[in-house]
């Protein structure tokens, strides 16, 4: 496969915030824009950091007092899935079409049998291999 450079695949029009942006405003921006991260820049548009949806998981975990709200209130229903025997291209197309990052892999008899993520696809196309749990 010929080399494809980052500039060809990157998204432009990056959504940014400043370090003094309130967390609540950042969360609203993530939802409004339908994105998973915000780039934090200084007054000269230089990179200062990044705030991701994973960071928000930590914020919820560390919040006091605890909300004690069940996941049912916030979970997504009607989940888009994949089957183990389908071509990877079809699964990748579904990730893009529905603008999602995770596809539970289901079997009609066994139920949920795995998960396919955008990270899995990136690893598949990369020369870098994820270490197996036994070698970690």
C-alpha atoms as a PDB file:
ATOM      1  CA  UNK A   1       0.000   0.000   0.000  1.00  0.00           C
ATOM      2  CA  UNK A   2       1.341   3.430  -0.921  1.00  0.00           C
ATOM      3  CA  UNK A   3       2.030   5.963   1.792  1.00  0.00           C
ATOM      4  CA  UNK A   4      -0.891   8.228   2.630  1.00  0.00           C
ATOM      5  CA  UNK A   5       0.106  11.271   4.612  1.00  0.00           C
ATOM      6  CA  UNK A   6      -1.607  12.532   7.743  1.00  0.00           C
ATOM      7  CA  UNK A   7      -2.760  15.728   6.020  1.00  0.00           C
ATOM      8  CA  UNK A   8      -4.978  13.694   3.689  1.00  0.00           C
ATOM      9  CA  UNK A   9      -6.886  11.988   6.513  1.00  0.00           C
ATOM     10  CA  UNK A  10      -6.876  14.592   9.265  1.00  0.00           C
ATOM     11  CA  UNK A  11      -9.903  16.617  10.225  1.00  0.00           C
ATOM     12  CA  UNK A  12      -9.484  20.354   9.965  1.00  0.00           C
ATOM     13  CA  UNK A  13     -11.569  22.915  11.773  1.00  0.00           C
ATOM     14  CA  UNK A  14     -10.503  21.618  15.179  1.00  0.00           C
ATOM     15  CA  UNK A  15     -12.809  22.598  18.045  1.00  0.00           C
ATOM     16  CA  UNK A  16     -10.774  24.378  20.712  1.00  0.00           C
ATOM     17  CA  UNK A  17     -11.219  25.801  24.187  1.00  0.00           C
ATOM     18  CA  UNK A  18      -8.960  27.767  26.496  1.00  0.00           C
ATOM     19  CA  UNK A  19      -7.634  26.516  29.842  1.00  0.00           C
ATOM     20  CA  UNK A  20     -10.136  28.707  31.734  1.00  0.00           C
ATOM     21  CA  UNK A  21     -13.214  27.209  29.988  1.00  0.00           C
ATOM     22  CA  UNK A  22     -15.678  25.771  32.510  1.00  0.00           C
ATOM     23  CA  UNK A  23     -15.978  21.975  32.464  1.00  0.00           C
ATOM     24  CA  UNK A  24     -19.751  22.241  32.043  1.00  0.00           C
ATOM     25  CA  UNK A  25     -19.291  24.439  28.961  1.00  0.00           C
ATOM     26  CA  UNK A  26     -16.732  22.000  27.555  1.00  0.00           C
ATOM     27  CA  UNK A  27     -19.168  19.111  28.042  1.00  0.00           C
ATOM     28  CA  UNK A  28     -21.896  21.046  26.237  1.00  0.00           C
ATOM     29  CA  UNK A  29     -19.516  21.788  23.360  1.00  0.00           C
ATOM     30  CA  UNK A  30     -18.580  18.098  23.018  1.00  0.00           C
ATOM     31  CA  UNK A  31     -22.248  17.183  22.765  1.00  0.00           C
ATOM     32  CA  UNK A  32     -23.172  20.034  20.406  1.00  0.00           C
ATOM     33  CA  UNK A  33     -20.313  19.232  18.042  1.00  0.00           C
ATOM     34  CA  UNK A  34     -20.682  15.443  18.339  1.00  0.00           C
ATOM     35  CA  UNK A  35     -16.983  14.989  19.073  1.00  0.00           C
ATOM     36  CA  UNK A  36     -14.939  13.076  21.631  1.00  0.00           C
ATOM     37  CA  UNK A  37     -12.248  15.608  22.472  1.00  0.00           C
ATOM     38  CA  UNK A  38     -11.473  19.292  22.696  1.00  0.00           C
ATOM     39  CA  UNK A  39      -8.055  20.745  22.012  1.00  0.00           C
ATOM     40  CA  UNK A  40      -6.997  23.233  24.679  1.00  0.00           C
ATOM     41  CA  UNK A  41      -5.037  26.183  23.304  1.00  0.00           C
ATOM     42  CA  UNK A  42      -3.467  29.289  24.746  1.00  0.00           C
ATOM     43  CA  UNK A  43      -4.080  32.846  23.544  1.00  0.00           C
ATOM     44  CA  UNK A  44      -1.663  32.265  20.620  1.00  0.00           C
ATOM     45  CA  UNK A  45      -3.516  29.112  19.484  1.00  0.00           C
ATOM     46  CA  UNK A  46      -0.624  26.980  20.709  1.00  0.00           C
ATOM     47  CA  UNK A  47      -1.395  23.544  22.093  1.00  0.00           C
ATOM     48  CA  UNK A  48      -1.809  23.535  25.872  1.00  0.00           C
ATOM     49  CA  UNK A  49      -3.581  20.176  26.296  1.00  0.00           C
ATOM     50  CA  UNK A  50      -6.541  18.024  25.348  1.00  0.00           C
ATOM     51  CA  UNK A  51      -9.780  17.200  27.146  1.00  0.00           C
ATOM     52  CA  UNK A  52     -11.424  13.921  26.125  1.00  0.00           C
ATOM     53  CA  UNK A  53     -14.578  12.013  26.891  1.00  0.00           C
ATOM     54  CA  UNK A  54     -12.365   9.705  28.985  1.00  0.00           C
ATOM     55  CA  UNK A  55     -11.430  12.705  31.110  1.00  0.00           C
ATOM     56  CA  UNK A  56     -15.137  13.240  31.756  1.00  0.00           C
ATOM     57  CA  UNK A  57     -15.411   9.659  33.007  1.00  0.00           C
ATOM     58  CA  UNK A  58     -12.754  10.538  35.584  1.00  0.00           C
ATOM     59  CA  UNK A  59     -14.618  13.736  36.472  1.00  0.00           C
ATOM     60  CA  UNK A  60     -17.788  11.736  37.210  1.00  0.00           C
ATOM     61  CA  UNK A  61     -15.841   9.124  39.160  1.00  0.00           C
ATOM     62  CA  UNK A  62     -14.095  11.711  41.300  1.00  0.00           C
ATOM     63  CA  UNK A  63     -17.093  13.985  41.877  1.00  0.00           C
ATOM     64  CA  UNK A  64     -18.363  14.570  45.404  1.00  0.00           C
ATOM     65  CA  UNK A  65     -21.016  14.048  46.539  1.00  0.00           C
ATOM     66  CA  UNK A  66     -21.740  10.934  44.487  1.00  0.00           C
ATOM     67  CA  UNK A  67     -24.865  11.193  42.314  1.00  0.00           C
ATOM     68  CA  UNK A  68     -25.873   7.517  42.728  1.00  0.00           C
ATOM     69  CA  UNK A  69     -27.614   7.614  39.351  1.00  0.00           C
ATOM     70  CA  UNK A  70     -27.986   4.320  37.477  1.00  0.00           C
ATOM     71  CA  UNK A  71     -26.597   3.885  33.958  1.00  0.00           C
ATOM     72  CA  UNK A  72     -30.101   3.237  32.638  1.00  0.00           C
ATOM     73  CA  UNK A  73     -30.767   6.976  32.768  1.00  0.00           C
ATOM     74  CA  UNK A  74     -27.943   7.766  30.327  1.00  0.00           C
ATOM     75  CA  UNK A  75     -27.315   4.597  28.291  1.00  0.00           C
ATOM     76  CA  UNK A  76     -27.919   4.456  24.560  1.00  0.00           C
ATOM     77  CA  UNK A  77     -30.590   2.008  23.486  1.00  0.00           C
ATOM     78  CA  UNK A  78     -31.004   0.570  19.984  1.00  0.00           C
ATOM     79  CA  UNK A  79     -27.261  -0.077  19.845  1.00  0.00           C
ATOM     80  CA  UNK A  80     -25.595  -0.515  16.432  1.00  0.00           C
ATOM     81  CA  UNK A  81     -23.817  -3.894  16.351  1.00  0.00           C
ATOM     82  CA  UNK A  82     -21.653  -6.171  14.208  1.00  0.00           C
ATOM     83  CA  UNK A  83     -21.490  -9.926  13.735  1.00  0.00           C
ATOM     84  CA  UNK A  84     -18.255 -11.917  13.963  1.00  0.00           C
ATOM     85  CA  UNK A  85     -18.530 -13.250  10.412  1.00  0.00           C
ATOM     86  CA  UNK A  86     -19.125  -9.990   8.574  1.00  0.00           C
ATOM     87  CA  UNK A  87     -16.415  -8.259   6.520  1.00  0.00           C
ATOM     88  CA  UNK A  88     -14.371  -5.654   8.385  1.00  0.00           C
ATOM     89  CA  UNK A  89     -15.148  -3.040   5.716  1.00  0.00           C
ATOM     90  CA  UNK A  90     -18.887  -3.312   6.467  1.00  0.00           C
ATOM     91  CA  UNK A  91     -18.206  -2.808  10.168  1.00  0.00           C
ATOM     92  CA  UNK A  92     -15.916   0.173   9.428  1.00  0.00           C
ATOM     93  CA  UNK A  93     -18.581   1.676   7.161  1.00  0.00           C
ATOM     94  CA  UNK A  94     -21.095   1.364  10.005  1.00  0.00           C
ATOM     95  CA  UNK A  95     -18.752   3.146  12.440  1.00  0.00           C
ATOM     96  CA  UNK A  96     -18.473   6.046  10.008  1.00  0.00           C
ATOM     97  CA  UNK A  97     -22.143   6.117   8.995  1.00  0.00           C
ATOM     98  CA  UNK A  98     -23.392   6.237  12.580  1.00  0.00           C
ATOM     99  CA  UNK A  99     -20.464   8.362  13.838  1.00  0.00           C
ATOM    100  CA  UNK A 100     -19.655   5.933  16.638  1.00  0.00           C
ATOM    101  CA  UNK A 101     -16.440   4.448  18.007  1.00  0.00           C
ATOM    102  CA  UNK A 102     -17.575   1.074  19.382  1.00  0.00           C
ATOM    103  CA  UNK A 103     -19.505  -1.817  17.852  1.00  0.00           C
ATOM    104  CA  UNK A 104     -20.561  -4.606  20.195  1.00  0.00           C
ATOM    105  CA  UNK A 105     -20.134  -7.914  18.362  1.00  0.00           C
ATOM    106  CA  UNK A 106     -23.161 -10.116  18.870  1.00  0.00           C
ATOM    107  CA  UNK A 107     -24.121 -13.699  18.154  1.00  0.00           C
ATOM    108  CA  UNK A 108     -27.766 -14.710  17.848  1.00  0.00           C
ATOM    109  CA  UNK A 109     -27.365 -17.571  20.347  1.00  0.00           C
ATOM    110  CA  UNK A 110     -24.556 -16.387  22.637  1.00  0.00           C
ATOM    111  CA  UNK A 111     -25.445 -12.698  22.861  1.00  0.00           C
ATOM    112  CA  UNK A 112     -22.540 -10.262  23.201  1.00  0.00           C
ATOM    113  CA  UNK A 113     -19.255 -11.972  22.286  1.00  0.00           C
ATOM    114  CA  UNK A 114     -16.894  -9.029  21.760  1.00  0.00           C
ATOM    115  CA  UNK A 115     -16.301  -5.399  20.880  1.00  0.00           C
ATOM    116  CA  UNK A 116     -14.831  -3.767  17.763  1.00  0.00           C
ATOM    117  CA  UNK A 117     -13.539  -0.209  18.159  1.00  0.00           C
ATOM    118  CA  UNK A 118     -11.930   2.423  16.009  1.00  0.00           C
ATOM    119  CA  UNK A 119      -8.724   1.670  17.931  1.00  0.00           C
ATOM    120  CA  UNK A 120      -8.940  -1.960  16.779  1.00  0.00           C
ATOM    121  CA  UNK A 121      -9.248  -0.803  13.176  1.00  0.00           C
ATOM    122  CA  UNK A 122      -6.321   1.597  13.530  1.00  0.00           C
ATOM    123  CA  UNK A 123      -4.192  -1.222  14.978  1.00  0.00           C
ATOM    124  CA  UNK A 124      -5.183  -3.464  12.069  1.00  0.00           C
ATOM    125  CA  UNK A 125      -3.928  -0.916   9.526  1.00  0.00           C
ATOM    126  CA  UNK A 126      -0.840  -0.015  11.559  1.00  0.00           C
ATOM    127  CA  UNK A 127       2.502  -1.781  11.803  1.00  0.00           C
ATOM    128  CA  UNK A 128       2.332  -1.293  15.567  1.00  0.00           C
ATOM    129  CA  UNK A 129       0.820  -4.299  17.295  1.00  0.00           C
ATOM    130  CA  UNK A 130      -1.013  -4.102  20.583  1.00  0.00           C
ATOM    131  CA  UNK A 131       0.773  -6.361  23.126  1.00  0.00           C
ATOM    132  CA  UNK A 132      -1.201  -9.401  24.170  1.00  0.00           C
ATOM    133  CA  UNK A 133      -2.244  -9.568  27.843  1.00  0.00           C
ATOM    134  CA  UNK A 134       0.203 -12.416  28.484  1.00  0.00           C
ATOM    135  CA  UNK A 135       3.195 -10.363  27.292  1.00  0.00           C
ATOM    136  CA  UNK A 136       2.368  -7.242  29.264  1.00  0.00           C
END
